[in-house]
Structure formats: C-alpha cells, structure tokens
C-alpha cells in the first residue's frame, strides 16, 4: 500500500468525481419505465427502470431529477401536443439526460434535460391498439351495447366526482325534466392515478342495485391528458361485462377513449348524457301517447259496429226469448190438462190400494198372530219334553260324586266313595263296594 503524501476532503474527492463525469459522459437519450415521481420543494425526483419482458423485477434503475420550473416546462410541452399525455408512473418514456453527481450524499443521479414525446405516444398507441384488439377478439367491445336498453330509464346509477360541476350539471338537468328520476350515486376520482381503482370500486358498489336501469360515468371538461386514464383495460372489461347499460359523458368532444368505445353509448358531455336519458323517457311517453291515441281511434271506429251488433243481439234475444216463452207456456198448459185428467184416476187407484192394505192389516194380522201362537205352543211342548224332571219320571236317574259332579262313567268312581242318586221324587246316597 502506498504511503499517503497528501489527503483530500470528501467534498474535494466528490467534486473531482463529478468533474470527471461531466468531462467524460456527454448528455444522452435513455428510455425506460417511470417507477416514481415525487415533487419536493424546488425539485422533482424521478426513477426510471429497465424491465425484461414478463418480469416485474427491474434489471436496472436510475435516479433522475429536474428543477420544478424545468419540469413544468416539460409538462406544458406534453399538454400542448396534438395527442397530449401526462408523465405518470408506469409510463414508458425516452429522456435526454445529463449524468450528475450529488456531492452532499455522494449520490449518482442524472438531470432531465428533455423528453421525446413520439416515443411515449408510440407506446401509448400500441398499448391502446393491443387493448382494442383484445377486446374485439374476446367479443367485449360491443358486449354492453348488446344489452336491451330500458324503455323508461328512471333508476340511474351515477359515477362522478363529488361536488363537481359535472355532478351539478347532470343532476340539475334531470331535476328540470318532467320525469321522476331516482339517482344512486357512487362517487369516484375522475383524474389522476387513482382513476382506475376508484371507478372500479364505484361499479362494484352499483352492481348490488339490481333495480338500476342504467349507469352513467361522467366528468367535466379538462386537460386532454386526463383522457388517457380512460384507456384502462380493467375499466373497459368491467364496463363491457356490467349487467346494465353503461353511458359515458367524459367531456371530450373530439377524442374518444376506449371506455367510450365499450360503453352502450358515449355522450359528449355530462349534460348531453342527462339529455339522452330525458329523450329516452320522452320517446317512451310519446309512444305511450301514440298507443293511447291508436286505442282511442280503434274504439271510436268500432263503437258504431259494436252498437249495431248489440242491437242485433238484443233483437235476436227478444225474439228467441218470446218464442221460447210461448213454447214453455204451451208445455205448462198441456201438463196442467194432463194432470187434471189423470189425477182423479190416479187418486182412485191409490185409494183402492189403500183399502186393500187396510183390510189386509185387519184380517192378516190375526192370522199371523194365530200362526205364531201355534208355533209358540209347539215349541213349549218340545221344551217340556226335554225338561230333566219329565225325563226322570220316565225312570232315568242322575248320579253325583261327593264334589257334586255328574257321573257319566263307572270309571269315575272309587271304592268307598259316596254317591248321590237323583230320582224324580227324591234322592238316595250309596257307598261303592
């Protein structure tokens, strides 16, 4: 290791490095993706990175800075373009930079001198075209437009900035109309990096309202650079797949964003969007009036014909009812005459039958009684013959053992057992030997 002959301060060393960089590294064009933009006091700090395809990890990152006045000049340059855009994170840019070295922190960084808008515009155009082709290929470009638009759109979902001029113009236009609109509001950021997520969240909020007729996404006029936020692929897909027709009123009269292309219909301004809804309701009202007038004309035309039909039916009913009444009267008269002639004969026959029944009851009941008496007498005689007393009189006897049981066999007896014998005129007891 060489022996130090002279030692320098850190500031002297860093200044030497800075001078060397300026002398050896000329200003140059670089391109990459902006990953950070931070405005702080009089300076604006940025980071630009290089990425490999299909990889989110940067290959290389470079710190940049610009004085605020210079940065504002760059922004003014971009906003005055025929196709303006804004410097935002995730934007691909080509920048003219000068290598620099920040002495107080010994930090290498580059100063932004200029920007090539054509590079970014080309990237934006390619991205927009890719999104457009993907939407076409997947059948999403006009999917929302294929939904049937309600005949009377009165339930409105509204996505816009809270307390904005667009919101006031839209609501006042609806309130001045003769129709009773009901508006469900879902406020969102309509410019800046939060535009996409904010509108997606608002669409999710309105999706739960199944009774909505249509959803309107509106914003007032502003910088043309704000239109780029409405070329979002995520927004396009969400609108294309939304279950209700979506109208846009982004506030740009010439240019159309991709959101305008996928919407059911794109209006020029928020006021035009409100007028579109009013016109749809007016069309429905006029159609209703036309139908009412058509019904009235048909009724007026048919009334004379129907009156004639009613008169004809009335006369026919009167004629037929009179004819039928006459026939029924003749039937009643015939039945009455028949009853007058046949009823005496019927009564006479029934009277004779009644007399025969009376006679039969008088004499027949006695015969029946005598017959039943004879049957009863015969049965009594038979029962008398079967009486055990009468049977004993014929010489038969009944024998009982000591337990009072009737003896039916000699085998039931034992030697020495007492037997009682029943005769018709008395009883005896005997012992078995």
Protein backbone atom coordinates (compact mmCIF):
# COMPACT_ATOMS: atom_id res chain seq x y z
CA UNK A 1 0.00 0.00 0.00
CA UNK A 2 1.44 3.38 -1.00
CA UNK A 3 2.31 5.80 1.77
CA UNK A 4 -0.07 8.85 1.61
CA UNK A 5 1.72 12.02 0.64
CA UNK A 6 -1.44 14.10 0.51
CA UNK A 7 -5.06 13.60 1.75
CA UNK A 8 -8.21 15.23 0.27
CA UNK A 9 -11.51 16.10 1.87
CA UNK A 10 -14.62 14.16 0.87
CA UNK A 11 -16.02 17.25 -0.82
CA UNK A 12 -12.84 17.67 -2.89
CA UNK A 13 -12.96 14.00 -3.86
CA UNK A 14 -16.65 14.07 -4.87
CA UNK A 15 -16.15 17.29 -6.85
CA UNK A 16 -13.30 15.60 -8.74
CA UNK A 17 -15.59 12.64 -9.50
CA UNK A 18 -18.35 15.00 -10.66
CA UNK A 19 -15.95 16.91 -12.93
CA UNK A 20 -14.70 13.64 -14.36
CA UNK A 21 -18.25 12.50 -15.11
CA UNK A 22 -19.16 15.76 -16.82
CA UNK A 23 -15.95 15.67 -18.89
CA UNK A 24 -16.23 12.03 -19.91
CA UNK A 25 -20.03 11.34 -20.10
CA UNK A 26 -21.95 13.54 -22.53
CA UNK A 27 -25.73 14.08 -22.40
CA UNK A 28 -27.53 11.07 -23.92
CA UNK A 29 -31.01 9.72 -24.69
CA UNK A 30 -32.20 6.84 -22.47
CA UNK A 31 -35.53 5.04 -22.32
CA UNK A 32 -37.37 3.02 -19.68
CA UNK A 33 -40.42 2.98 -17.41
CA UNK A 34 -41.07 5.72 -14.85
CA UNK A 35 -41.43 4.00 -11.47
CA UNK A 36 -41.52 7.00 -9.14
CA UNK A 37 -42.38 10.71 -9.36
CA UNK A 38 -42.00 12.82 -6.23
CA UNK A 39 -42.26 16.61 -6.16
CA UNK A 40 -40.41 18.16 -3.25
CA UNK A 41 -39.83 21.88 -2.95
CA UNK A 42 -37.99 23.29 -5.96
CA UNK A 43 -37.03 19.85 -7.22
CA UNK A 44 -38.83 16.87 -8.73
CA UNK A 45 -37.31 13.43 -8.13
CA UNK A 46 -37.99 10.57 -10.53
CA UNK A 47 -36.86 6.99 -11.03
CA UNK A 48 -36.64 5.17 -14.34
CA UNK A 49 -36.16 1.42 -14.64
CA UNK A 50 -35.46 -1.24 -17.24
CA UNK A 51 -37.50 -4.48 -17.23
CA UNK A 52 -37.19 -7.79 -19.02
CA UNK A 53 -40.35 -9.00 -20.77
CA UNK A 54 -42.81 -10.80 -18.42
CA UNK A 55 -40.79 -9.84 -15.35
CA UNK A 56 -41.76 -7.28 -12.72
CA UNK A 57 -38.29 -7.11 -11.21
CA UNK A 58 -36.23 -4.26 -12.72
CA UNK A 59 -32.94 -5.11 -14.39
CA UNK A 60 -31.54 -1.64 -13.70
CA UNK A 61 -32.79 1.55 -12.04
CA UNK A 62 -31.61 5.14 -12.42
CA UNK A 63 -32.39 8.11 -10.19
CA UNK A 64 -33.35 11.32 -12.01
CA UNK A 65 -34.15 14.86 -11.01
CA UNK A 66 -35.34 18.10 -12.56
CA UNK A 67 -35.85 21.60 -11.27
CA UNK A 68 -39.54 22.33 -10.84
CA UNK A 69 -39.51 25.12 -13.44
CA UNK A 70 -37.88 22.82 -15.99
CA UNK A 71 -40.30 20.01 -15.09
CA UNK A 72 -43.29 22.33 -15.58
CA UNK A 73 -41.95 23.26 -19.00
CA UNK A 74 -41.82 19.57 -19.90
CA UNK A 75 -45.43 19.13 -18.73
CA UNK A 76 -46.54 22.16 -20.76
CA UNK A 77 -44.78 20.74 -23.80
CA UNK A 78 -46.63 17.43 -23.42
CA UNK A 79 -50.05 19.01 -22.80
CA UNK A 80 -49.78 21.16 -25.95
CA UNK A 81 -49.30 18.15 -28.23
CA UNK A 82 -51.99 17.07 -30.71
CA UNK A 83 -52.14 13.84 -28.73
CA UNK A 84 -51.26 15.01 -25.21
CA UNK A 85 -50.25 12.79 -22.30
CA UNK A 86 -49.04 13.23 -18.73
CA UNK A 87 -45.93 11.96 -17.00
CA UNK A 88 -47.20 9.29 -14.63
CA UNK A 89 -45.79 6.20 -13.02
CA UNK A 90 -45.70 3.14 -15.31
CA UNK A 91 -45.36 5.39 -18.39
CA UNK A 92 -42.70 4.45 -20.90
CA UNK A 93 -40.52 7.46 -21.77
CA UNK A 94 -37.41 8.42 -23.68
CA UNK A 95 -35.47 11.17 -21.83
CA UNK A 96 -32.46 13.30 -22.69
CA UNK A 97 -30.32 13.25 -19.52
CA UNK A 98 -27.05 14.61 -18.23
CA UNK A 99 -25.07 12.47 -15.78
CA UNK A 100 -24.64 14.23 -12.44
CA UNK A 101 -23.30 13.60 -9.00
CA UNK A 102 -24.92 14.95 -5.81
CA UNK A 103 -21.94 15.86 -3.64
CA UNK A 104 -23.58 16.16 -0.16
CA UNK A 105 -24.67 12.48 -0.29
CA UNK A 106 -22.18 11.12 -2.81
CA UNK A 107 -25.19 10.01 -4.89
CA UNK A 108 -25.09 9.42 -8.62
CA UNK A 109 -28.12 10.78 -10.45
CA UNK A 110 -28.99 12.26 -13.82
CA UNK A 111 -30.64 15.52 -14.65
CA UNK A 112 -33.56 15.52 -17.11
CA UNK A 113 -32.95 17.92 -19.98
CA UNK A 114 -35.68 16.96 -22.43
CA UNK A 115 -38.22 14.31 -23.42
CA UNK A 116 -39.11 12.65 -26.74
CA UNK A 117 -42.94 12.65 -26.90
CA UNK A 118 -43.02 10.48 -30.02
CA UNK A 119 -41.56 7.54 -28.07
CA UNK A 120 -44.28 7.63 -25.41
CA UNK A 121 -47.05 8.38 -27.90
CA UNK A 122 -45.98 5.37 -29.90
CA UNK A 123 -46.07 3.18 -26.81
CA UNK A 124 -49.45 4.56 -25.76
CA UNK A 125 -50.84 4.00 -29.24
CA UNK A 126 -49.50 0.43 -29.31
CA UNK A 127 -50.95 -0.27 -25.87
CA UNK A 128 -54.29 1.22 -26.82
CA UNK A 129 -54.38 -0.77 -30.06
CA UNK A 130 -53.49 -4.00 -28.23
CA UNK A 131 -56.26 -3.46 -25.71
CA UNK A 132 -58.69 -2.65 -28.51
CA UNK A 133 -57.77 -5.82 -30.46
CA UNK A 134 -58.02 -7.98 -27.32
CA UNK A 135 -61.48 -6.61 -26.58
CA UNK A 136 -62.57 -7.30 -30.16
CA UNK A 137 -61.12 -10.81 -30.10
CA UNK A 138 -62.92 -11.65 -26.85
CA UNK A 139 -66.23 -10.18 -28.05
CA UNK A 140 -66.20 -7.49 -25.35
CA UNK A 141 -66.03 -4.35 -27.48
CA UNK A 142 -69.80 -4.15 -28.05
CA UNK A 143 -70.97 -6.63 -25.40
CA UNK A 144 -72.53 -3.92 -23.22
CA UNK A 145 -74.19 -2.37 -26.28
CA UNK A 146 -75.95 -5.70 -26.91
CA UNK A 147 -77.96 -5.26 -23.71
CA UNK A 148 -81.55 -4.16 -24.18
CA UNK A 149 -81.94 -0.53 -23.18
CA UNK A 150 -84.88 0.05 -20.78
CA UNK A 151 -87.92 1.72 -22.32
CA UNK A 152 -88.31 4.00 -19.29
CA UNK A 153 -84.85 4.55 -17.69
CA UNK A 154 -85.64 6.25 -14.39
CA UNK A 155 -83.39 4.34 -11.95
CA UNK A 156 -79.93 5.83 -12.64
CA UNK A 157 -76.55 4.81 -11.23
CA UNK A 158 -74.12 7.75 -11.31
CA UNK A 159 -70.30 7.62 -11.14
CA UNK A 160 -68.58 11.03 -10.96
CA UNK A 161 -66.57 13.30 -8.69
CA UNK A 162 -68.35 14.55 -5.59
CA UNK A 163 -69.31 18.24 -5.67
CA UNK A 164 -68.04 18.57 -9.23
CA UNK A 165 -69.52 20.74 -11.97
CA UNK A 166 -70.29 17.56 -13.92
CA UNK A 167 -72.35 16.26 -10.99
CA UNK A 168 -74.26 19.54 -10.62
CA UNK A 169 -74.97 19.84 -14.37
CA UNK A 170 -76.18 16.24 -14.62
CA UNK A 171 -78.45 16.36 -11.57
CA UNK A 172 -79.92 19.79 -12.38
CA UNK A 173 -80.71 18.68 -15.93
CA UNK A 174 -82.64 15.66 -14.61
CA UNK A 175 -84.44 17.71 -11.95
CA UNK A 176 -85.65 20.24 -14.54
CA UNK A 177 -87.24 17.47 -16.61
CA UNK A 178 -90.88 16.39 -16.05
CA UNK A 179 -89.78 12.86 -15.11
CA UNK A 180 -89.17 11.47 -11.63
CA UNK A 181 -85.60 10.18 -11.84
CA UNK A 182 -84.03 8.32 -8.91
CA UNK A 183 -80.22 8.60 -8.82
CA UNK A 184 -77.92 6.20 -6.94
CA UNK A 185 -74.58 7.99 -6.52
CA UNK A 186 -71.17 6.29 -6.28
CA UNK A 187 -68.50 8.99 -6.17
CA UNK A 188 -65.04 8.34 -7.63
CA UNK A 189 -61.81 10.08 -8.63
CA UNK A 190 -62.10 11.04 -12.29
CA UNK A 191 -58.49 12.03 -12.92
CA UNK A 192 -55.04 11.02 -11.76
CA UNK A 193 -53.54 7.66 -10.92
CA UNK A 194 -56.47 6.67 -8.68
CA UNK A 195 -58.99 6.94 -11.52
CA UNK A 196 -58.98 3.26 -12.46
CA UNK A 197 -59.33 1.75 -8.99
CA UNK A 198 -61.81 4.40 -7.88
CA UNK A 199 -64.19 3.81 -10.81
CA UNK A 200 -63.87 0.03 -10.47
CA UNK A 201 -64.89 0.32 -6.83
CA UNK A 202 -67.86 2.52 -7.76
CA UNK A 203 -69.01 -0.03 -10.37
CA UNK A 204 -68.84 -2.72 -7.70
CA UNK A 205 -70.96 -0.58 -5.39
CA UNK A 206 -73.65 -0.06 -8.04
CA UNK A 207 -73.68 -3.71 -9.12
CA UNK A 208 -75.63 -4.66 -5.97
CA UNK A 209 -78.55 -2.41 -7.01
CA UNK A 210 -80.43 -4.88 -9.21
CA UNK A 211 -83.25 -2.41 -9.90
CA UNK A 212 -80.96 0.02 -11.74
CA UNK A 213 -81.90 0.79 -15.35
CA UNK A 214 -78.63 2.33 -16.49
CA UNK A 215 -75.24 3.53 -15.16
CA UNK A 216 -73.66 6.86 -16.20
CA UNK A 217 -69.93 7.62 -15.92
CA UNK A 218 -69.37 11.37 -16.31
CA UNK A 219 -66.71 14.02 -15.79
CA UNK A 220 -66.39 17.63 -16.86
CA UNK A 221 -64.01 19.09 -19.38
CA UNK A 222 -60.34 19.32 -18.51
CA UNK A 223 -56.87 18.61 -19.78
CA UNK A 224 -56.69 16.24 -22.71
CA UNK A 225 -54.08 14.27 -20.82
CA UNK A 226 -56.81 13.08 -18.44
CA UNK A 227 -58.35 11.12 -21.29
CA UNK A 228 -55.53 8.56 -21.10
CA UNK A 229 -56.85 7.30 -17.76
CA UNK A 230 -60.00 6.12 -19.57
CA UNK A 231 -58.00 3.83 -21.87
CA UNK A 232 -57.62 1.42 -18.95
CA UNK A 233 -58.07 -2.23 -19.90
CA UNK A 234 -59.51 -3.07 -16.48
CA UNK A 235 -62.14 -0.33 -16.80
CA UNK A 236 -63.05 -1.47 -20.32
CA UNK A 237 -63.56 -5.05 -19.18
CA UNK A 238 -65.60 -4.02 -16.15
CA UNK A 239 -67.91 -1.86 -18.29
CA UNK A 240 -68.21 -4.49 -21.03
CA UNK A 241 -69.27 -7.13 -18.50
CA UNK A 242 -71.53 -4.84 -16.42
CA UNK A 243 -75.09 -6.27 -16.33
CA UNK A 244 -76.72 -2.88 -17.07
CA UNK A 245 -76.25 -0.47 -19.99
CA UNK A 246 -73.43 2.00 -19.29
CA UNK A 247 -73.42 5.55 -20.68
CA UNK A 248 -70.36 7.80 -20.68
CA UNK A 249 -70.07 11.56 -20.69
CA UNK A 250 -66.32 12.09 -20.33
CA UNK A 251 -66.33 15.67 -21.57
CA UNK A 252 -64.15 15.40 -24.70
CA UNK A 253 -65.92 16.44 -27.87
CA UNK A 254 -63.33 15.17 -30.39
CA UNK A 255 -61.32 12.29 -28.95
CA UNK A 256 -62.86 9.02 -27.79
CA UNK A 257 -61.38 6.88 -25.06
CA UNK A 258 -61.59 3.09 -25.02
CA UNK A 259 -64.16 3.41 -22.25
CA UNK A 260 -66.36 5.35 -24.69
CA UNK A 261 -65.99 2.56 -27.25
CA UNK A 262 -67.09 -0.25 -24.91
CA UNK A 263 -69.96 1.72 -23.35
CA UNK A 264 -73.55 1.24 -24.52
CA UNK A 265 -73.46 4.84 -25.78
CA UNK A 266 -70.91 7.65 -25.45
CA UNK A 267 -72.23 11.16 -24.89
CA UNK A 268 -70.11 14.27 -25.43
CA UNK A 269 -70.69 15.88 -22.02
CA UNK A 270 -72.42 15.13 -18.69
CA UNK A 271 -75.28 17.42 -19.73
CA UNK A 272 -75.64 15.52 -23.01
CA UNK A 273 -75.74 12.30 -21.02
CA UNK A 274 -78.62 13.60 -18.88
CA UNK A 275 -80.43 14.85 -22.01
CA UNK A 276 -80.04 11.41 -23.58
CA UNK A 277 -81.88 9.85 -20.63
CA UNK A 278 -84.59 12.51 -20.80
CA UNK A 279 -85.01 11.91 -24.54
CA UNK A 280 -85.39 8.17 -23.95
CA UNK A 281 -88.17 8.82 -21.46
CA UNK A 282 -89.78 11.33 -23.82
CA UNK A 283 -89.71 8.71 -26.57
CA UNK A 284 -91.42 6.25 -24.23
CA UNK A 285 -94.00 8.89 -23.29
CA UNK A 286 -94.68 9.75 -26.93
CA UNK A 287 -95.02 6.07 -27.79
CA UNK A 288 -97.44 5.68 -24.90
CA UNK A 289 -99.48 8.61 -26.17
CA UNK A 290 -99.43 7.15 -29.68
CA UNK A 291 -100.66 3.82 -28.35
CA UNK A 292 -103.36 5.57 -26.34
CA UNK A 293 -104.45 7.54 -29.40
CA UNK A 294 -104.42 4.39 -31.51
CA UNK A 295 -106.57 2.61 -28.93
CA UNK A 296 -108.93 5.59 -28.83
CA UNK A 297 -109.22 5.66 -32.65
CA UNK A 298 -109.90 1.95 -32.81
CA UNK A 299 -112.54 2.19 -30.10
CA UNK A 300 -114.17 5.20 -31.78
CA UNK A 301 -114.19 3.34 -35.08
CA UNK A 302 -115.57 0.12 -33.66
CA UNK A 303 -118.20 1.63 -31.39
CA UNK A 304 -120.85 2.03 -34.16
CA UNK A 305 -120.19 -1.51 -35.39
CA UNK A 306 -120.39 -2.90 -31.88
CA UNK A 307 -123.56 -0.88 -31.23
CA UNK A 308 -125.18 -2.46 -34.29
CA UNK A 309 -124.06 -5.87 -33.12
CA UNK A 310 -125.56 -5.23 -29.68
CA UNK A 311 -128.87 -4.13 -31.24
CA UNK A 312 -128.93 -7.23 -33.41
CA UNK A 313 -128.15 -9.44 -30.41
CA UNK A 314 -130.83 -7.67 -28.37
CA UNK A 315 -133.49 -8.19 -31.06
CA UNK A 316 -132.44 -11.80 -31.52
CA UNK A 317 -132.63 -12.40 -27.77
CA UNK A 318 -136.08 -10.80 -27.59
CA UNK A 319 -137.36 -12.90 -30.48
CA UNK A 320 -135.89 -16.13 -29.20
CA UNK A 321 -136.98 -15.47 -25.61
CA UNK A 322 -140.55 -14.71 -26.75
CA UNK A 323 -140.60 -17.83 -28.93
CA UNK A 324 -139.22 -19.93 -26.11
CA UNK A 325 -141.66 -18.43 -23.61
CA UNK A 326 -144.61 -19.32 -25.89
CA UNK A 327 -143.40 -22.92 -26.20
CA UNK A 328 -142.96 -23.23 -22.46
CA UNK A 329 -146.43 -21.87 -21.82
CA UNK A 330 -147.88 -24.48 -24.17
CA UNK A 331 -145.95 -27.20 -22.36
CA UNK A 332 -147.22 -26.00 -18.99
CA UNK A 333 -150.80 -25.89 -20.31
CA UNK A 334 -150.50 -29.43 -21.67
CA UNK A 335 -149.09 -30.71 -18.38
CA UNK A 336 -151.86 -28.93 -16.46
CA UNK A 337 -154.56 -30.52 -18.63
CA UNK A 338 -152.92 -33.90 -18.30
CA UNK A 339 -152.79 -33.56 -14.53
CA UNK A 340 -156.45 -32.52 -14.40
CA UNK A 341 -157.47 -35.61 -16.38
CA UNK A 342 -155.22 -38.21 -14.81
CA UNK A 343 -155.08 -37.11 -11.19
CA UNK A 344 -158.66 -38.32 -10.26
CA UNK A 345 -157.95 -41.75 -11.76
CA UNK A 346 -154.63 -41.97 -10.00
CA UNK A 347 -156.19 -40.93 -6.70
CA UNK A 348 -158.95 -43.57 -7.14
CA UNK A 349 -156.43 -46.33 -7.83
CA UNK A 350 -154.33 -45.31 -4.87
CA UNK A 351 -157.43 -45.21 -2.65
CA UNK A 352 -158.39 -48.76 -3.67
CA UNK A 353 -154.86 -49.95 -2.92
CA UNK A 354 -155.03 -48.25 0.47
CA UNK A 355 -158.39 -50.02 1.23
CA UNK A 356 -156.86 -53.37 0.32
CA UNK A 357 -153.93 -52.70 2.61
CA UNK A 358 -156.31 -51.72 5.41
CA UNK A 359 -158.35 -54.92 5.00
CA UNK A 360 -155.21 -56.99 4.82
CA UNK A 361 -153.92 -55.44 8.02
CA UNK A 362 -157.18 -56.17 9.86
CA UNK A 363 -157.56 -59.84 8.87
CA UNK A 364 -153.99 -60.68 8.04
CA UNK A 365 -152.62 -59.57 11.39
CA UNK A 366 -154.97 -62.01 13.24
CA UNK A 367 -153.86 -64.86 11.02
CA UNK A 368 -150.23 -64.00 11.63
CA UNK A 369 -150.88 -63.85 15.41
CA UNK A 370 -152.65 -67.29 15.42
CA UNK A 371 -149.83 -68.84 13.42
CA UNK A 372 -147.18 -67.50 15.74
CA UNK A 373 -149.21 -68.67 18.77
CA UNK A 374 -149.32 -72.21 17.38
CA UNK A 375 -145.57 -72.11 16.78
CA UNK A 376 -145.01 -70.94 20.35
CA UNK A 377 -147.26 -73.70 21.76
CA UNK A 378 -145.45 -76.38 19.79
CA UNK A 379 -142.09 -75.11 20.97
CA UNK A 380 -143.31 -75.06 24.58
CA UNK A 381 -144.36 -78.70 24.29
CA UNK A 382 -140.98 -79.67 22.96
CA UNK A 383 -139.24 -77.82 25.76
CA UNK A 384 -141.45 -79.57 28.31
CA UNK A 385 -140.45 -82.95 26.94
CA UNK A 386 -136.82 -82.01 27.32
CA UNK A 387 -137.24 -80.87 30.94
CA UNK A 388 -134.97 -83.07 33.21
CA UNK A 389 -137.86 -83.59 35.64
CA UNK A 390 -140.01 -85.17 32.97
CA UNK A 391 -137.10 -87.30 31.84
CA UNK A 392 -136.61 -88.58 35.43
CA UNK A 393 -140.28 -89.53 35.54
CA UNK A 394 -139.60 -91.97 32.75
CA UNK A 395 -137.25 -93.96 35.08
CA UNK A 396 -134.00 -92.24 34.40
CA UNK A 397 -131.70 -91.06 37.27
CA UNK A 398 -128.75 -88.71 37.75
CA UNK A 399 -125.74 -89.64 39.92
CA UNK A 400 -123.31 -87.20 41.54
CA UNK A 401 -119.99 -87.77 43.31
CA UNK A 402 -119.02 -86.11 46.56
CA UNK A 403 -117.95 -82.96 44.70
CA UNK A 404 -121.41 -82.60 43.09
CA UNK A 405 -120.21 -83.58 39.62
CA UNK A 406 -122.49 -85.59 37.35
CA UNK A 407 -121.23 -89.14 36.88
CA UNK A 408 -121.10 -90.20 33.26
CA UNK A 409 -118.89 -93.34 33.63
CA UNK A 410 -118.18 -96.05 36.23
CA UNK A 411 -114.51 -95.32 35.89
CA UNK A 412 -115.08 -92.04 37.68
CA UNK A 413 -115.91 -93.98 40.94
CA UNK A 414 -113.62 -95.30 43.63
CA UNK A 415 -114.31 -97.97 46.31
CA UNK A 416 -115.72 -96.43 49.43
CA UNK A 417 -116.81 -93.24 47.62
CA UNK A 418 -120.28 -91.89 48.48
CA UNK A 419 -122.61 -91.42 45.51
CA UNK A 420 -125.86 -89.43 45.49
CA UNK A 421 -128.57 -90.54 43.07
CA UNK A 422 -131.41 -88.23 41.96
CA UNK A 423 -134.87 -89.72 41.19
CA UNK A 424 -137.91 -87.73 40.04
CA UNK A 425 -139.40 -87.96 43.53
CA UNK A 426 -136.29 -87.90 45.75
CA UNK A 427 -132.59 -88.59 46.39
CA UNK A 428 -130.59 -91.51 47.91
CA UNK A 429 -126.95 -91.89 48.93
CA UNK A 430 -124.94 -95.09 48.47
CA UNK A 431 -121.39 -96.30 49.02
CA UNK A 432 -119.37 -98.01 46.33
CA UNK A 433 -118.15 -101.53 47.22
